[in-house]
Amino acid sequence: MIVTVTANAALDVTYVVPALLPNGSHRVTSVSSRAGGKGINVARVLARQGIPVIATGLVGGPTGGLLDRDLAAAHVEFHPFEVAAESRRTVTVVADGDATVFNEPGETVTAAEWAGFRGHFAGLLADARLVVLSGSLPPGLGVDAYADLVGIAREHGCRTILDTSGDPLLAGIAAGADVVKPNAVELFEATGESDPVAAAQALRRAGAGAVVASLGPDGMVAVTADGCWRARPGRRISGNPTGAGDAGVAALAAGLVAGNPWPDLIREAVAWSAAAVAAPLAGDIDEGTRDELRAGVNVEELDAASRN
């Protein structure tokens, strides 16, 4: 069983327009809304692949109810923790094969609510083997909130994947997260290193068990105790890149639970990420695209010194 945590869950609204023009008026060609936030996206991908998963997170108000109903309709097992504040919304505008995203910060979570969630989270781990902690933290929570959950997961014998940024990422690394998955921008912000392999090495020295860095259309780099690999897709996919990183995390989570070796893990993560771009909404992958791309992913083992 995999458990995903979305501390700052959201209702994701996606608009598709022919072109995005600053300061202009736009005619929307299609609009959709669904439960979102990075951990929820991960859970949705896993559930559609038939992989046992439970999603949890902090939700509140009528918008939180919409999240609950949407995930029930999608057959994603969801165990939310109710808070007083209204759940946030995000808006993604897709145009010309790219996406512009507007992320609300979310409302304040109180100390008492967080204490309640910690107990709720621990209660979901009886059958869990791996926990995915994803996305931003809502106002009111300290930067060590995910680090706190890393410790609880470890107490229950669960490995952890952490996908966040800034100080919460660094705190989670210091707490010993087993795998962290920053993107190129987050890597640079965390380390000041422009080279992704050097930056990943720095995060491993800071305490991360393994670092998988997503590099957009250039694929991924994995720096682990077992070796270092770079994986590139065979071709570029156009579409909606929102949620591509979450699909990659889903592939990593599924592979780690299955005990797959790192070259296979990163190959699958790149294929799933690219297949998410071909799907219209975050939380989906185009399975035909994934299956086509899998064989074309180039996985290269880097110099052994790269793992240090």
Protein backbone atom coordinates (compact mmCIF):
# COMPACT_ATOMS: atom_id res chain seq x y z
CA MET A 1 0.00 0.00 0.00
CA ILE A 2 1.13 3.54 -0.85
CA VAL A 3 -0.14 6.59 1.07
CA THR A 4 0.05 10.04 -0.50
CA VAL A 5 -0.17 13.28 1.48
CA THR A 6 -1.31 16.58 -0.02
CA ALA A 7 -1.01 19.16 2.72
CA ASN A 8 -2.34 21.94 0.49
CA ALA A 9 -5.04 20.13 -1.52
CA ALA A 10 -6.88 22.12 -4.17
CA LEU A 11 -9.65 22.13 -6.71
CA ASP A 12 -7.75 22.34 -10.00
CA VAL A 13 -9.50 24.32 -12.73
CA THR A 14 -8.05 23.98 -16.25
CA TYR A 15 -8.83 26.33 -19.15
CA VAL A 16 -7.75 25.58 -22.72
CA VAL A 17 -7.35 28.60 -25.02
CA PRO A 18 -5.97 28.91 -28.57
CA ALA A 19 -3.28 31.36 -27.41
CA LEU A 20 -2.41 33.17 -24.20
CA LEU A 21 -2.16 36.94 -24.69
CA PRO A 22 -1.04 39.17 -21.80
CA ASN A 23 -3.57 41.92 -21.03
CA GLY A 24 -6.00 40.36 -23.51
CA SER A 25 -9.45 38.78 -23.39
CA HIS A 26 -9.61 35.04 -24.06
CA ARG A 27 -12.31 32.74 -25.37
CA VAL A 28 -11.98 29.44 -23.48
CA THR A 29 -12.44 26.42 -25.72
CA SER A 30 -12.81 23.94 -22.85
CA VAL A 31 -12.87 24.01 -19.07
CA SER A 32 -12.61 21.26 -16.47
CA SER A 33 -12.24 20.98 -12.72
CA ARG A 34 -11.09 18.13 -10.52
CA ALA A 35 -9.49 17.37 -7.17
CA GLY A 36 -5.83 18.26 -7.27
CA GLY A 37 -2.65 19.04 -5.48
CA LYS A 38 0.49 17.05 -6.16
CA GLY A 39 -0.14 14.11 -3.84
CA ILE A 40 -3.69 13.72 -5.12
CA ASN A 41 -2.37 13.69 -8.69
CA VAL A 42 0.08 10.94 -7.70
CA ALA A 43 -2.71 8.89 -6.11
CA ARG A 44 -4.97 9.30 -9.14
CA VAL A 45 -2.25 8.00 -11.49
CA LEU A 46 -1.49 5.03 -9.22
CA ALA A 47 -5.16 4.12 -8.76
CA ARG A 48 -5.72 4.07 -12.51
CA GLN A 49 -2.83 1.63 -12.82
CA GLY A 50 -4.47 -0.67 -10.28
CA ILE A 51 -1.84 0.01 -7.61
CA PRO A 52 -3.22 0.10 -4.03
CA VAL A 53 -3.09 3.68 -2.77
CA ILE A 54 -4.73 5.89 -0.16
CA ALA A 55 -4.74 9.67 -0.55
CA THR A 56 -5.03 12.01 2.39
CA GLY A 57 -4.73 15.73 3.00
CA LEU A 58 -6.21 18.78 4.65
CA VAL A 59 -9.53 19.90 3.18
CA GLY A 60 -12.27 22.30 4.24
CA GLY A 61 -15.50 24.02 3.26
CA PRO A 62 -17.64 23.43 0.18
CA THR A 63 -14.55 23.23 -2.03
CA GLY A 64 -13.21 20.42 0.14
CA GLY A 65 -16.49 18.61 -0.39
CA LEU A 66 -16.03 18.90 -4.15
CA LEU A 67 -12.62 17.26 -3.82
CA ASP A 68 -14.09 14.39 -1.82
CA ARG A 69 -16.88 13.75 -4.32
CA ASP A 70 -14.58 13.97 -7.34
CA LEU A 71 -12.14 11.41 -5.96
CA ALA A 72 -14.99 9.07 -5.00
CA ALA A 73 -16.24 9.24 -8.59
CA ALA A 74 -12.69 8.52 -9.82
CA HIS A 75 -12.45 5.48 -7.48
CA VAL A 76 -9.50 6.94 -5.59
CA GLU A 77 -9.58 5.99 -1.90
CA PHE A 78 -9.49 9.32 -0.07
CA HIS A 79 -9.29 9.82 3.69
CA PRO A 80 -9.25 13.62 4.15
CA PHE A 81 -8.78 15.48 7.40
CA GLU A 82 -11.34 18.27 7.84
CA VAL A 83 -10.13 21.77 8.74
CA ALA A 84 -12.11 24.96 9.23
CA ALA A 85 -10.69 26.96 6.32
CA GLU A 86 -11.93 26.65 2.74
CA SER A 87 -9.77 24.53 0.43
CA ARG A 88 -7.94 26.51 -2.22
CA ARG A 89 -8.31 26.50 -5.99
CA THR A 90 -5.68 26.55 -8.72
CA VAL A 91 -6.11 27.71 -12.30
CA THR A 92 -4.12 26.29 -15.23
CA VAL A 93 -4.32 27.92 -18.66
CA VAL A 94 -3.17 25.62 -21.46
CA ALA A 95 -2.20 27.25 -24.76
CA ASP A 96 0.22 26.41 -27.57
CA GLY A 97 1.35 23.18 -25.92
CA ASP A 98 2.36 24.84 -22.66
CA ALA A 99 0.69 25.76 -19.38
CA THR A 100 0.46 28.85 -17.18
CA VAL A 101 -0.48 28.05 -13.59
CA PHE A 102 -1.97 30.27 -10.88
CA ASN A 103 -1.64 28.71 -7.40
CA GLU A 104 -3.61 30.16 -4.51
CA PRO A 105 -1.65 29.99 -1.23
CA GLY A 106 -4.39 28.26 0.74
CA GLU A 107 -5.89 29.29 4.06
CA THR A 108 -4.22 29.08 7.48
CA VAL A 109 -4.06 25.72 9.25
CA THR A 110 -4.03 25.94 13.05
CA ALA A 111 -1.63 24.13 15.36
CA ALA A 112 -4.52 22.08 16.76
CA GLU A 113 -5.59 21.03 13.27
CA TRP A 114 -2.06 19.96 12.40
CA ALA A 115 -1.80 17.94 15.59
CA GLY A 116 -5.05 16.23 14.63
CA PHE A 117 -3.77 15.51 11.15
CA ARG A 118 -0.56 13.95 12.50
CA GLY A 119 -2.65 11.38 14.38
CA HIS A 120 -4.92 10.87 11.37
CA PHE A 121 -1.87 10.28 9.14
CA ALA A 122 -0.31 7.78 11.55
CA GLY A 123 -3.57 5.86 11.59
CA LEU A 124 -3.35 5.29 7.82
CA LEU A 125 0.07 3.63 7.92
CA ALA A 126 -0.77 0.18 9.30
CA ASP A 127 -0.59 -1.48 5.87
CA ALA A 128 1.59 1.11 4.13
CA ARG A 129 5.04 0.42 2.70
CA LEU A 130 5.76 3.83 1.23
CA VAL A 131 4.56 7.41 1.79
CA VAL A 132 4.59 10.19 -0.80
CA LEU A 133 4.67 13.74 0.61
CA SER A 134 3.97 16.26 -2.13
CA GLY A 135 3.43 19.93 -2.81
CA SER A 136 3.42 23.20 -0.94
CA LEU A 137 2.50 23.71 2.71
CA PRO A 138 -0.49 25.87 3.60
CA PRO A 139 -0.03 28.99 5.74
CA GLY A 140 0.22 28.25 9.45
CA LEU A 141 2.48 25.21 9.14
CA GLY A 142 6.19 25.35 9.94
CA VAL A 143 8.81 24.47 7.37
CA ASP A 144 9.41 21.22 9.29
CA ALA A 145 5.88 19.89 8.72
CA TYR A 146 6.91 17.35 6.09
CA ALA A 147 10.01 16.50 8.11
CA ASP A 148 7.65 15.68 10.97
CA LEU A 149 5.71 13.29 8.72
CA VAL A 150 8.96 11.70 7.49
CA GLY A 151 9.71 10.82 11.11
CA ILE A 152 6.24 9.38 11.71
CA ALA A 153 6.50 7.29 8.53
CA ARG A 154 9.88 5.94 9.61
CA GLU A 155 8.45 4.94 13.00
CA HIS A 156 5.90 2.84 11.11
CA GLY A 157 8.51 1.22 8.84
CA CYS A 158 7.55 3.21 5.72
CA ARG A 159 9.94 4.63 3.14
CA THR A 160 9.29 8.18 1.97
CA ILE A 161 9.34 10.17 -1.26
CA LEU A 162 9.35 13.95 -0.75
CA ASP A 163 8.39 16.30 -3.59
CA THR A 164 8.41 19.88 -2.37
CA SER A 165 10.70 22.91 -2.52
CA GLY A 166 12.58 25.52 -0.51
CA ASP A 167 12.97 25.22 3.24
CA PRO A 168 10.41 22.37 3.58
CA LEU A 169 12.53 20.37 1.12
CA LEU A 170 15.73 21.04 3.07
CA ALA A 171 14.04 20.18 6.37
CA GLY A 172 12.71 16.92 4.94
CA ILE A 173 16.18 16.04 3.64
CA ALA A 174 17.69 16.70 7.06
CA ALA A 175 15.03 14.38 8.51
CA GLY A 176 16.27 11.61 6.21
CA ALA A 177 13.68 11.38 3.42
CA ASP A 178 14.50 8.27 1.40
CA VAL A 179 13.94 9.88 -2.02
CA VAL A 180 13.49 13.54 -2.94
CA LYS A 181 12.32 14.72 -6.36
CA PRO A 182 13.05 18.39 -7.01
CA ASN A 183 12.93 19.95 -10.46
CA ALA A 184 15.83 21.90 -11.97
CA VAL A 185 14.71 25.24 -10.52
CA GLU A 186 14.17 23.76 -7.06
CA LEU A 187 17.57 22.07 -7.22
CA PHE A 188 19.30 25.37 -7.94
CA GLU A 189 17.34 27.22 -5.25
CA ALA A 190 18.25 24.56 -2.68
CA THR A 191 21.95 24.29 -3.51
CA GLY A 192 23.10 27.18 -5.70
CA GLU A 193 24.53 24.56 -8.09
CA SER A 194 23.60 24.95 -11.76
CA ASP A 195 24.73 21.43 -12.70
CA PRO A 196 21.93 18.99 -11.74
CA VAL A 197 24.28 16.13 -10.86
CA ALA A 198 26.40 18.33 -8.59
CA ALA A 199 23.25 19.72 -7.01
CA ALA A 200 21.85 16.24 -6.42
CA GLN A 201 25.14 15.20 -4.84
CA ALA A 202 24.85 18.15 -2.46
CA LEU A 203 21.36 17.09 -1.40
CA ARG A 204 22.54 13.54 -0.78
CA ARG A 205 25.34 14.86 1.42
CA ALA A 206 22.70 16.86 3.33
CA GLY A 207 20.83 13.66 4.19
CA ALA A 208 18.65 12.53 1.27
CA GLY A 209 18.84 8.81 0.59
CA ALA A 210 18.45 9.36 -3.16
CA VAL A 211 17.76 12.37 -5.38
CA VAL A 212 15.75 12.17 -8.59
CA ALA A 213 15.81 15.50 -10.39
CA SER A 214 13.24 16.16 -13.10
CA LEU A 215 14.63 18.25 -15.95
CA GLY A 216 11.49 18.81 -18.01
CA PRO A 217 11.83 17.64 -21.64
CA ASP A 218 15.47 16.69 -20.92
CA GLY A 219 14.36 13.82 -18.69
CA MET A 220 15.71 13.03 -15.23
CA VAL A 221 18.87 12.45 -13.23
CA ALA A 222 19.02 9.97 -10.35
CA VAL A 223 21.85 10.13 -7.81
CA THR A 224 21.67 7.26 -5.32
CA ALA A 225 23.82 5.13 -3.06
CA ASP A 226 23.78 2.46 -5.79
CA GLY A 227 24.87 4.65 -8.69
CA CYS A 228 24.00 7.64 -10.81
CA TRP A 229 21.96 7.65 -14.01
CA ARG A 230 20.66 10.13 -16.55
CA ALA A 231 17.52 9.25 -18.52
CA ARG A 232 16.21 11.09 -21.57
CA PRO A 233 12.99 10.51 -23.54
CA GLY A 234 13.33 9.48 -27.15
CA ARG A 235 11.23 12.40 -28.35
CA ARG A 236 9.54 15.50 -27.02
CA ILE A 237 5.81 15.40 -26.28
CA SER A 238 3.63 18.50 -26.59
CA GLY A 239 0.53 19.08 -24.50
CA ASN A 240 -0.17 19.99 -20.88
CA PRO A 241 2.98 19.55 -18.74
CA THR A 242 1.07 20.20 -15.50
CA GLY A 243 1.24 17.01 -13.46
CA ALA A 244 4.13 15.47 -15.40
CA GLY A 245 6.34 15.51 -12.31
CA ASP A 246 3.55 13.91 -10.28
CA ALA A 247 3.25 11.08 -12.80
CA GLY A 248 7.00 10.58 -12.47
CA VAL A 249 6.65 10.37 -8.70
CA ALA A 250 3.85 7.81 -9.13
CA ALA A 251 6.17 5.67 -11.26
CA LEU A 252 8.96 5.94 -8.68
CA ALA A 253 6.57 4.99 -5.86
CA ALA A 254 5.22 1.97 -7.74
CA GLY A 255 8.72 0.83 -8.69
CA LEU A 256 10.17 1.23 -5.22
CA VAL A 257 7.36 -0.83 -3.69
CA ALA A 258 7.95 -3.49 -6.35
CA GLY A 259 11.70 -3.52 -5.58
CA ASN A 260 12.82 -2.53 -9.08
CA PRO A 261 16.43 -1.44 -9.72
CA TRP A 262 17.23 2.23 -10.26
CA PRO A 263 17.78 2.12 -14.04
CA ASP A 264 14.26 0.67 -14.42
CA LEU A 265 12.84 3.15 -11.93
CA ILE A 266 14.14 6.19 -13.75
CA ARG A 267 13.19 4.77 -17.16
CA GLU A 268 9.59 4.32 -16.01
CA ALA A 269 9.53 7.72 -14.33
CA VAL A 270 10.58 9.45 -17.56
CA ALA A 271 8.06 7.48 -19.63
CA TRP A 272 5.18 8.18 -17.21
CA SER A 273 6.11 11.87 -16.99
CA ALA A 274 6.11 12.27 -20.77
CA ALA A 275 2.85 10.35 -21.04
CA ALA A 276 1.27 12.79 -18.58
CA VAL A 277 2.06 15.66 -20.95
CA ALA A 278 0.03 13.86 -23.62
CA ALA A 279 -2.99 13.65 -21.29
CA PRO A 280 -5.28 16.69 -21.06
CA LEU A 281 -5.42 16.94 -17.25
CA ALA A 282 -2.99 16.58 -14.34
CA GLY A 283 -3.41 13.22 -12.66
CA ASP A 284 -3.75 11.28 -15.92
CA ILE A 285 -1.30 9.59 -18.24
CA ASP A 286 -1.79 8.51 -21.84
CA GLU A 287 -1.00 4.82 -21.51
CA GLY A 288 -0.38 4.30 -25.23
CA THR A 289 2.18 7.11 -25.22
CA ARG A 290 3.84 5.68 -22.11
CA ASP A 291 4.13 2.22 -23.64
CA GLU A 292 5.49 3.65 -26.88
CA LEU A 293 8.05 5.86 -25.15
CA ARG A 294 9.30 3.33 -22.62
CA ALA A 295 11.58 1.50 -25.06
CA GLY A 296 12.93 4.79 -26.41
CA VAL A 297 14.08 6.20 -23.07
CA ASN A 298 17.88 6.39 -23.08
CA VAL A 299 19.29 5.51 -19.65
CA GLU A 300 22.99 6.28 -19.23
CA GLU A 301 25.03 5.36 -16.16
CA LEU A 302 27.26 8.21 -15.13
CA ASP A 303 30.71 8.07 -13.56
CA ALA A 304 30.76 6.28 -10.19
CA ALA A 305 32.08 9.44 -8.54
CA SER A 306 28.75 11.11 -9.29
CA ARG A 307 27.05 9.26 -6.45
CA ASN A 308 29.26 10.84 -3.77
